[in-house]
Protein backbone atom coordinates (compact mmCIF):
# COMPACT_ATOMS: atom_id res chain seq x y z
CA MET A 1 -6.97 -48.98 63.78
CA ALA A 2 -6.26 -45.87 61.89
CA LYS A 3 -7.93 -44.31 58.80
CA VAL A 4 -5.34 -43.91 56.10
CA GLY A 5 -5.47 -42.01 52.88
CA MET A 6 -3.06 -42.40 49.97
CA VAL A 7 -1.96 -40.00 47.25
CA SER A 8 0.06 -41.77 44.62
CA LEU A 9 2.05 -39.64 42.07
CA GLY A 10 4.41 -40.33 39.20
CA CYS A 11 5.11 -43.43 37.22
CA PRO A 12 3.60 -46.99 37.20
CA LYS A 13 6.69 -48.25 39.05
CA ASN A 14 5.78 -45.80 41.83
CA GLN A 15 2.21 -47.04 41.63
CA VAL A 16 3.17 -50.58 42.41
CA ASP A 17 5.20 -49.37 45.43
CA THR A 18 1.98 -47.63 46.52
CA GLU A 19 0.02 -50.93 46.16
CA LEU A 20 2.53 -52.80 48.16
CA MET A 21 2.38 -50.33 51.11
CA LEU A 22 -1.47 -50.30 51.00
CA ALA A 23 -1.52 -54.09 51.41
CA LYS A 24 0.80 -53.88 54.33
CA LEU A 25 -1.38 -51.28 56.01
CA GLN A 26 -4.53 -53.22 55.34
CA GLU A 27 -2.95 -56.35 56.60
CA ALA A 28 -2.06 -54.56 59.86
CA GLY A 29 -5.65 -53.72 60.32
CA HIS A 30 -5.79 -50.11 59.24
CA GLU A 31 -8.66 -48.81 57.04
CA ILE A 32 -7.75 -47.50 53.62
CA CYS A 33 -9.94 -44.57 52.64
CA GLY A 34 -10.76 -43.36 49.20
CA GLU A 35 -10.85 -39.77 50.33
CA VAL A 36 -8.39 -37.98 52.61
CA TYR A 37 -10.98 -36.08 54.56
CA GLY A 38 -11.24 -37.30 58.09
CA CYS A 39 -8.16 -39.52 57.79
CA ASP A 40 -5.80 -40.02 60.74
CA ALA A 41 -2.96 -39.94 58.34
CA VAL A 42 -2.34 -39.27 54.64
CA ILE A 43 0.58 -40.85 52.85
CA ILE A 44 1.84 -39.07 49.74
CA ASN A 45 4.03 -41.31 47.50
CA THR A 46 5.95 -38.77 45.51
CA CYS A 47 7.82 -38.50 42.29
CA ALA A 48 10.84 -36.37 41.67
CA PHE A 49 11.95 -37.36 38.25
CA ILE A 50 11.76 -33.83 36.63
CA GLU A 51 10.87 -30.33 37.84
CA ASP A 52 7.16 -30.64 36.90
CA ALA A 53 6.92 -33.88 38.93
CA LYS A 54 8.65 -32.17 41.90
CA ARG A 55 6.23 -29.25 41.64
CA GLU A 56 3.25 -31.57 41.50
CA ALA A 57 4.50 -33.47 44.64
CA ILE A 58 5.03 -30.22 46.62
CA ASP A 59 1.76 -28.81 45.66
CA ASN A 60 0.03 -32.06 46.95
CA ILE A 61 2.04 -31.82 50.23
CA LEU A 62 1.04 -28.16 50.62
CA GLU A 63 -2.57 -29.06 50.01
CA MET A 64 -2.53 -31.79 52.72
CA ALA A 65 -0.87 -29.26 55.02
CA ASP A 66 -3.87 -27.00 54.46
CA TYR A 67 -6.17 -29.87 55.33
CA LYS A 68 -4.15 -30.63 58.45
CA GLU A 69 -4.37 -27.01 59.54
CA ALA A 70 -8.14 -27.10 59.00
CA GLY A 71 -8.36 -30.14 61.12
CA GLU A 72 -9.58 -32.35 58.26
CA ILE A 73 -6.57 -34.76 58.65
CA LYS A 74 -4.23 -35.36 61.35
CA LYS A 75 -0.85 -36.51 60.06
CA ILE A 76 1.17 -36.30 56.75
CA ILE A 77 3.69 -38.93 55.69
CA VAL A 78 5.77 -38.37 52.68
CA THR A 79 7.28 -41.30 50.76
CA GLY A 80 8.70 -41.99 47.35
CA CYS A 81 11.37 -40.35 45.19
CA LEU A 82 10.98 -36.79 46.58
CA ALA A 83 11.48 -38.24 50.13
CA GLU A 84 14.42 -40.26 48.96
CA ARG A 85 16.08 -37.36 47.12
CA TYR A 86 15.59 -34.47 49.53
CA ARG A 87 15.16 -36.18 52.93
CA GLU A 88 15.44 -33.70 55.86
CA GLU A 89 15.24 -30.73 53.44
CA ILE A 90 11.47 -31.37 53.04
CA LEU A 91 10.87 -31.29 56.77
CA GLU A 92 12.74 -27.99 56.96
CA GLU A 93 10.84 -26.45 54.16
CA ILE A 94 7.40 -27.89 55.04
CA PRO A 95 7.26 -28.42 58.89
CA GLU A 96 3.73 -29.59 58.70
CA ILE A 97 5.08 -32.95 57.53
CA ASP A 98 5.07 -35.59 60.31
CA ALA A 99 7.25 -38.23 58.62
CA VAL A 100 9.66 -38.56 55.62
CA ALA A 101 10.25 -42.12 54.60
CA GLY A 102 12.82 -43.03 52.03
CA LEU A 103 12.32 -45.83 49.40
CA GLY A 104 14.21 -48.35 51.53
CA ASN A 105 11.65 -47.91 54.34
CA ASN A 106 8.54 -48.60 52.24
CA GLY A 107 8.41 -52.11 53.76
CA ASN A 108 8.24 -50.49 57.26
CA ILE A 109 5.34 -48.16 56.36
CA VAL A 110 3.23 -49.70 59.16
CA ASP A 111 5.75 -49.00 61.90
CA ILE A 112 6.31 -45.53 60.57
CA LEU A 113 2.60 -44.83 60.64
CA GLU A 114 2.20 -46.14 64.19
CA GLN A 115 5.21 -44.03 65.24
CA VAL A 116 3.71 -40.91 63.74
CA LEU A 117 0.23 -41.56 65.39
CA SER A 118 1.78 -42.01 68.86
CA SER A 119 4.17 -39.02 68.89
CA ASP A 120 4.32 -35.42 67.94
CA GLU A 121 8.02 -35.67 67.00
CA PRO A 122 8.69 -35.81 63.31
CA VAL A 123 10.00 -39.17 62.01
CA VAL A 124 12.80 -39.50 59.38
CA ALA A 125 13.27 -43.04 58.17
CA ILE A 126 15.94 -43.38 55.33
CA GLY A 127 17.23 -46.83 54.70
CA GLU A 128 19.13 -48.56 52.02
CA LYS A 129 17.55 -48.29 48.52
CA SER A 130 18.24 -51.96 48.07
CA ASP A 131 15.74 -52.67 50.84
CA LEU A 132 12.79 -51.37 48.72
CA PRO A 133 10.35 -54.25 48.40
CA LEU A 134 9.99 -55.49 44.73
CA CYS A 135 7.19 -57.96 45.46
CA GLY A 136 4.60 -59.02 47.97
CA GLN A 137 0.95 -58.75 48.52
CA ARG A 138 -0.59 -55.79 46.76
CA LEU A 139 -3.79 -53.92 47.00
CA LEU A 140 -4.41 -53.01 43.40
CA THR A 141 -5.19 -49.34 42.51
CA THR A 142 -6.01 -50.27 38.90
CA PRO A 143 -9.27 -51.93 37.74
CA GLU A 144 -9.31 -55.49 38.76
CA TYR A 145 -8.86 -56.87 35.25
CA TRP A 146 -5.44 -55.13 34.52
CA ALA A 147 -2.30 -54.74 36.58
CA TYR A 148 1.28 -53.79 36.38
CA LEU A 149 4.01 -56.33 36.96
CA LYS A 150 7.27 -54.63 38.15
CA ILE A 151 10.17 -56.96 37.10
CA ALA A 152 13.04 -54.75 38.24
CA ASP A 153 13.70 -51.41 40.09
CA GLY A 154 16.43 -48.86 39.78
CA CYS A 155 18.51 -48.21 36.69
CA SER A 156 22.10 -48.77 35.54
CA ASN A 157 21.95 -46.85 32.24
CA LYS A 158 23.23 -43.50 33.66
CA CYS A 159 21.66 -41.29 30.95
CA THR A 160 23.22 -37.86 31.68
CA TYR A 161 19.87 -36.14 31.99
CA CYS A 162 18.27 -38.61 34.36
CA ALA A 163 18.20 -38.59 38.21
CA ILE A 164 16.63 -42.05 38.56
CA PRO A 165 19.93 -43.92 39.15
CA ASN A 166 20.83 -41.41 41.86
CA ILE A 167 17.43 -41.73 43.51
CA ARG A 168 16.66 -45.40 43.08
CA GLY A 169 20.09 -46.89 42.69
CA PRO A 170 21.25 -49.52 40.08
CA GLN A 171 19.00 -51.99 38.50
CA ARG A 172 17.82 -54.84 40.76
CA SER A 173 15.91 -57.50 38.87
CA ARG A 174 13.56 -60.17 40.25
CA THR A 175 14.01 -63.74 39.27
CA VAL A 176 11.91 -65.16 36.34
CA GLU A 177 10.21 -67.65 38.76
CA ASP A 178 9.26 -64.78 41.15
CA CYS A 179 7.68 -62.70 38.38
CA VAL A 180 5.72 -65.62 36.96
CA GLU A 181 4.48 -66.60 40.41
CA GLU A 182 3.10 -63.02 40.97
CA ALA A 183 1.68 -62.94 37.39
CA GLN A 184 -0.24 -66.25 38.15
CA ALA A 185 -1.52 -64.74 41.38
CA LEU A 186 -2.68 -61.72 39.63
CA ALA A 187 -4.44 -63.84 37.00
CA ASP A 188 -6.03 -65.99 39.71
CA SER A 189 -7.52 -62.75 41.12
CA GLY A 190 -9.09 -61.70 37.74
CA VAL A 191 -6.38 -59.82 35.96
CA LYS A 192 -6.53 -60.44 32.33
CA GLU A 193 -4.14 -57.63 30.93
CA LEU A 194 -0.63 -57.55 32.42
CA ILE A 195 1.69 -54.71 31.81
CA VAL A 196 5.34 -55.39 32.17
CA ILE A 197 7.44 -52.49 33.62
CA ALA A 198 10.86 -51.57 34.84
CA GLN A 199 13.03 -48.51 34.31
CA ASP A 200 14.45 -50.45 31.25
CA THR A 201 12.69 -53.72 30.61
CA THR A 202 15.11 -54.76 27.89
CA ARG A 203 17.92 -54.81 30.48
CA TYR A 204 15.95 -57.12 32.80
CA GLY A 205 17.98 -59.96 34.21
CA GLU A 206 21.41 -58.61 33.41
CA ASP A 207 22.25 -57.99 37.06
CA LEU A 208 21.03 -61.57 38.11
CA TYR A 209 21.91 -63.75 35.14
CA GLY A 210 24.82 -61.92 33.40
CA GLU A 211 22.68 -61.41 30.33
CA PRO A 212 19.18 -59.97 29.51
CA ARG A 213 16.30 -62.43 30.06
CA LEU A 214 13.27 -60.42 28.87
CA ALA A 215 12.61 -62.86 26.05
CA GLN A 216 12.69 -65.78 28.44
CA LEU A 217 10.43 -64.04 30.91
CA LEU A 218 7.84 -63.11 28.21
CA THR A 219 7.78 -66.75 27.08
CA GLU A 220 7.08 -67.99 30.58
CA LEU A 221 4.44 -65.27 31.22
CA CYS A 222 2.54 -66.39 28.20
CA LYS A 223 2.03 -69.72 29.88
CA VAL A 224 0.18 -68.19 32.88
CA GLU A 225 -3.46 -69.25 32.70
CA GLY A 226 -5.98 -66.54 32.71
CA LEU A 227 -3.94 -63.81 31.10
CA GLN A 228 -5.11 -62.70 27.66
CA MET A 229 -3.01 -59.55 26.96
CA ILE A 230 0.64 -58.90 27.92
CA ARG A 231 1.98 -55.50 27.17
CA VAL A 232 5.65 -54.37 27.62
CA LEU A 233 6.71 -50.82 28.35
CA TYR A 234 10.09 -49.00 28.42
CA CYS A 235 12.11 -50.93 25.77
CA TYR A 236 15.46 -49.11 25.17
CA PRO A 237 16.39 -49.15 21.45
CA GLU A 238 20.03 -50.26 21.93
CA ARG A 239 18.85 -53.41 23.66
CA LEU A 240 15.74 -54.33 21.80
CA THR A 241 16.95 -57.73 20.34
CA ASP A 242 15.58 -60.00 17.62
CA GLU A 243 15.06 -62.57 20.38
CA VAL A 244 12.55 -60.33 22.05
CA LEU A 245 10.87 -59.39 18.71
CA ASP A 246 10.62 -62.95 17.74
CA VAL A 247 8.79 -63.78 20.95
CA MET A 248 6.44 -60.94 20.32
CA ALA A 249 5.67 -62.18 16.85
CA ARG A 250 5.27 -65.81 18.01
CA GLU A 251 3.09 -65.35 21.19
CA GLU A 252 -0.43 -64.51 20.60
CA LYS A 253 -0.92 -63.01 24.15
CA ILE A 254 1.82 -60.35 23.75
CA CYS A 255 0.64 -56.98 22.30
CA ASN A 256 2.41 -55.80 19.24
CA TYR A 257 3.03 -52.63 21.13
CA ILE A 258 6.60 -51.30 21.59
CA ASP A 259 7.37 -48.35 23.99
CA LEU A 260 10.74 -47.15 22.69
CA PRO A 261 11.99 -44.14 24.45
CA ILE A 262 14.55 -42.74 21.96
CA GLN A 263 14.82 -39.09 23.35
CA HIS A 264 16.45 -37.80 20.16
CA CYS A 265 17.83 -38.85 16.83
CA ASN A 266 20.98 -36.67 16.43
CA GLY A 267 24.06 -38.67 17.12
CA GLU A 268 25.86 -35.83 18.86
CA ILE A 269 22.97 -35.04 21.25
CA LEU A 270 22.53 -38.79 21.96
CA LYS A 271 26.17 -38.98 22.75
CA LYS A 272 25.85 -36.07 25.21
CA MET A 273 22.86 -37.91 26.68
CA ASN A 274 25.09 -41.02 27.16
CA ARG A 275 22.79 -42.90 24.74
CA SER A 276 23.88 -44.66 21.58
CA GLY A 277 22.77 -44.47 18.02
CA ASP A 278 21.88 -41.78 15.48
CA ARG A 279 19.22 -41.05 12.86
CA GLU A 280 20.52 -43.76 10.53
CA SER A 281 20.71 -46.52 13.03
CA LEU A 282 17.32 -45.60 14.69
CA THR A 283 15.62 -45.54 11.27
CA LYS A 284 17.11 -48.98 10.57
CA LEU A 285 15.85 -50.32 13.84
CA ILE A 286 12.28 -48.91 13.48
CA ASN A 287 12.07 -50.28 9.91
CA HIS A 288 13.29 -53.58 11.17
CA ILE A 289 10.65 -53.71 14.01
CA ARG A 290 7.96 -53.04 11.37
CA GLU A 291 9.09 -55.78 9.18
CA LYS A 292 9.12 -58.24 12.13
CA LEU A 293 5.72 -57.05 13.42
CA PRO A 294 3.76 -55.54 10.49
CA ASP A 295 0.83 -54.43 12.60
CA VAL A 296 3.03 -52.93 15.36
CA CYS A 297 2.14 -49.86 17.25
CA ILE A 298 5.33 -47.95 18.27
CA ARG A 299 5.29 -45.26 21.12
CA THR A 300 8.24 -43.04 21.76
CA THR A 301 9.34 -40.07 23.95
CA LEU A 302 11.54 -37.16 22.86
CA ILE A 303 13.40 -34.43 24.63
CA THR A 304 13.84 -30.96 23.03
CA GLY A 305 16.20 -28.26 24.14
CA PHE A 306 18.97 -30.55 25.53
CA PRO A 307 22.10 -28.42 26.30
CA GLY A 308 23.74 -27.46 23.08
CA GLU A 309 20.92 -28.51 20.68
CA THR A 310 21.25 -26.23 17.69
CA GLU A 311 18.38 -25.38 15.33
CA GLU A 312 19.93 -27.79 12.79
CA GLN A 313 19.85 -30.64 15.29
CA PHE A 314 16.31 -29.79 16.16
CA GLU A 315 15.27 -29.71 12.52
CA GLU A 316 16.86 -33.18 12.14
CA LEU A 317 14.66 -34.41 14.89
CA ALA A 318 11.57 -32.78 13.48
CA GLY A 319 12.33 -34.34 10.09
CA PHE A 320 12.87 -37.74 11.76
CA VAL A 321 9.51 -37.54 13.43
CA LYS A 322 7.75 -36.80 10.13
CA GLU A 323 9.52 -39.59 8.41
CA MET A 324 9.10 -42.25 11.00
CA LYS A 325 5.38 -41.50 11.68
CA PHE A 326 5.31 -42.96 15.19
CA ASP A 327 1.86 -44.14 16.32
CA CYS A 328 2.16 -42.46 19.70
CA LEU A 329 4.68 -39.83 20.88
CA GLY A 330 5.24 -37.74 23.89
CA CYS A 331 7.73 -34.75 23.79
CA PHE A 332 9.16 -32.92 26.83
CA ALA A 333 11.18 -29.79 27.12
CA TYR A 334 14.51 -30.64 28.79
CA SER A 335 14.59 -30.19 32.56
CA ALA A 336 17.95 -29.71 34.20
CA GLU A 337 18.04 -31.89 37.23
CA GLU A 338 20.51 -31.22 40.06
CA GLY A 339 23.18 -33.90 40.54
CA THR A 340 23.02 -35.07 36.93
CA PRO A 341 25.97 -34.61 34.40
CA ALA A 342 23.77 -32.84 31.94
CA ALA A 343 23.01 -30.07 34.35
CA LYS A 344 26.64 -29.01 34.13
CA LEU A 345 26.80 -28.90 30.40
CA PRO A 346 27.38 -25.51 28.69
CA GLU A 347 25.15 -23.90 26.04
CA PRO A 348 21.82 -24.16 27.82
CA VAL A 349 18.82 -23.67 25.57
CA ASP A 350 16.36 -20.86 26.36
CA ASP A 351 13.27 -22.11 28.16
CA ALA A 352 11.00 -20.58 25.68
CA VAL A 353 12.93 -22.07 22.78
CA LYS A 354 12.83 -25.56 24.51
CA VAL A 355 8.99 -25.36 25.04
CA HIS A 356 8.39 -23.97 21.45
CA ARG A 357 10.51 -26.79 19.81
CA GLY A 358 8.38 -29.45 21.80
CA GLU A 359 5.19 -27.75 20.69
CA LEU A 360 6.31 -27.92 17.02
CA ILE A 361 6.99 -31.66 17.42
CA MET A 362 3.63 -32.34 18.90
CA ASP A 363 1.91 -30.31 16.17
CA SER A 364 3.61 -32.56 13.57
CA GLN A 365 2.63 -35.70 15.58
CA TYR A 366 -1.01 -34.55 15.71
CA VAL A 367 -1.19 -34.65 11.84
CA ILE A 368 0.47 -38.07 11.91
CA VAL A 369 -2.03 -39.38 14.46
CA LEU A 370 -4.98 -38.21 12.44
CA GLU A 371 -3.41 -40.03 9.44
CA HIS A 372 -3.02 -43.23 11.40
CA ASN A 373 -6.55 -43.08 12.88
CA LYS A 374 -7.97 -42.57 9.29
CA ASN A 375 -6.13 -45.66 8.20
CA MET A 376 -7.60 -47.63 11.04
CA THR A 377 -11.18 -47.02 9.75
CA GLY A 378 -12.76 -50.29 8.61
CA LYS A 379 -10.38 -52.52 10.61
CA LYS A 380 -11.59 -54.90 13.30
CA LEU A 381 -9.82 -54.91 16.73
CA LYS A 382 -10.03 -57.09 19.82
CA VAL A 383 -10.94 -54.62 22.48
CA ILE A 384 -10.87 -54.91 26.37
CA VAL A 385 -13.90 -53.04 27.85
CA ASP A 386 -12.99 -50.28 30.27
CA GLY A 387 -16.28 -48.61 30.98
CA TYR A 388 -19.78 -47.51 29.91
CA ASP A 389 -21.50 -44.15 29.92
CA PRO A 390 -25.26 -44.67 30.41
CA TYR A 391 -25.95 -41.12 29.49
CA THR A 392 -24.48 -41.55 25.94
CA ASP A 393 -24.87 -45.25 25.71
CA ILE A 394 -21.16 -45.54 24.72
CA TYR A 395 -18.59 -48.00 25.80
CA GLU A 396 -14.92 -47.26 26.28
CA GLY A 397 -12.09 -49.70 25.68
CA ARG A 398 -8.64 -50.36 24.37
CA SER A 399 -6.98 -52.62 21.75
CA TYR A 400 -3.41 -53.86 21.70
CA ARG A 401 -2.50 -50.29 20.39
CA GLU A 402 -3.59 -48.42 23.49
CA ALA A 403 -1.89 -48.65 26.93
CA PRO A 404 -4.02 -47.71 29.78
CA GLU A 405 -3.69 -44.15 31.19
CA ILE A 406 -1.17 -43.33 28.47
CA ASP A 407 -2.69 -43.52 25.02
CA GLY A 408 -6.06 -42.77 23.45
CA LYS A 409 -9.11 -44.99 23.67
CA ILE A 410 -11.88 -46.55 21.59
CA ASN A 411 -15.37 -45.30 22.07
CA PHE A 412 -17.95 -47.77 20.67
CA VAL A 413 -21.55 -48.77 20.67
CA SER A 414 -22.79 -52.35 21.36
CA ASP A 415 -26.27 -54.02 20.97
CA LYS A 416 -25.30 -56.30 23.95
CA SER A 417 -24.57 -55.36 27.62
CA LEU A 418 -20.76 -55.64 28.24
CA THR A 419 -18.86 -55.69 31.49
CA PRO A 420 -15.57 -54.08 32.26
CA GLY A 421 -12.71 -56.44 31.62
CA SER A 422 -14.58 -58.46 28.97
CA PHE A 423 -13.36 -58.62 25.40
CA VAL A 424 -15.26 -57.79 22.30
CA GLU A 425 -14.50 -57.38 18.56
CA VAL A 426 -14.93 -53.77 17.46
CA THR A 427 -15.11 -52.43 13.87
CA ILE A 428 -13.61 -48.96 13.66
CA THR A 429 -15.94 -46.54 11.89
CA ASP A 430 -14.57 -43.19 12.50
CA PHE A 431 -12.15 -41.18 14.89
CA ASN A 432 -12.12 -38.11 16.92
CA GLU A 433 -8.69 -36.66 17.12
CA TYR A 434 -6.71 -39.19 19.29
CA ASP A 435 -9.61 -41.63 19.87
CA LEU A 436 -11.20 -44.14 17.66
CA ILE A 437 -14.82 -44.71 17.29
CA GLY A 438 -16.51 -48.07 16.48
CA GLU A 439 -19.15 -50.58 16.66
CA ALA A 440 -19.07 -53.95 18.54
């Protein structure tokens, strides 16, 4: 039996991969440690989506290398997107690494660990991306009352700025039955909030059934006993259908929360991104969503400084943000990723300009958030309890409007003792920047 530590980086999809590996290691008899100190091996499940993610992954690897040199850990195993993308290059650059395992070898993590522990020779295990396990026993790294459900891996959209299709391959969906079976198992274990994820959830099922099946899947998930909240992330605007919106409007368990990564609103920039639409079509879609779901919370993500973005095109984006008044918004300066078509485009935007444009967008969004939060005052929301601070006597929770680890939270007081994972009705009385304040 070995003591194994895990560092999981990146997106929720990667987090599910981590949970699958942890379960395999535990089932094989290895001890999963909450701290890396004293571990026989530390596994770093990396992200490599953009430059900042790669830098974070490398910083974590170098930190573990320091621990190894100090004798606080023995072996380092690197998995995930960075391992898949750079393979032997990582070993050459950071020789302290003992194993590099590509995505297709996640299912063999126990064998890789045991090889590393029994030999001083570095291990490189790169299999087929399609061998990446999509389901199985998981050791949850989230609180026991909420969990992610990954319904597909990979992506077939081929946005010109994105390296994910190169790293993870084309979309591979699970069957509806398989997803529902896992959802029921999670609910049986105490999960009450389920967060449905994929690189593009609205494209779910195309590769299996010849057509999108998200609406059908959501309908079936609502039948799972024990689940009280179902949240969907990563809905692409060009594939968000009335069928999906109708299910959301009809089913009480589904949060009226739509994560809609639009990236830009200028038609010319979107075309360069290999995305469809323009300001007019996106405005029409968002207004349509709000008509279908009057209390909807819409989150989006934007990119500033895409190659060739003019000042006029940026101003169009800035005006669009002020007009649409998104409930939640994240904005990122464009990152040129090697191997992507966008990295070869002419007219790169200066780094300082990219960052400044992003800051201007977020400054506008801050004002919008304050306006939204002011309008929430006096409303009653069903809130799932996330925690309690005994020093301030304040509970922390979320409503349908707040996804965990992404959005703000609701801080509230209660006369009764509440447990994490329970639900309570909270009246909103005030707000503090991005967070709401209330009373149970």
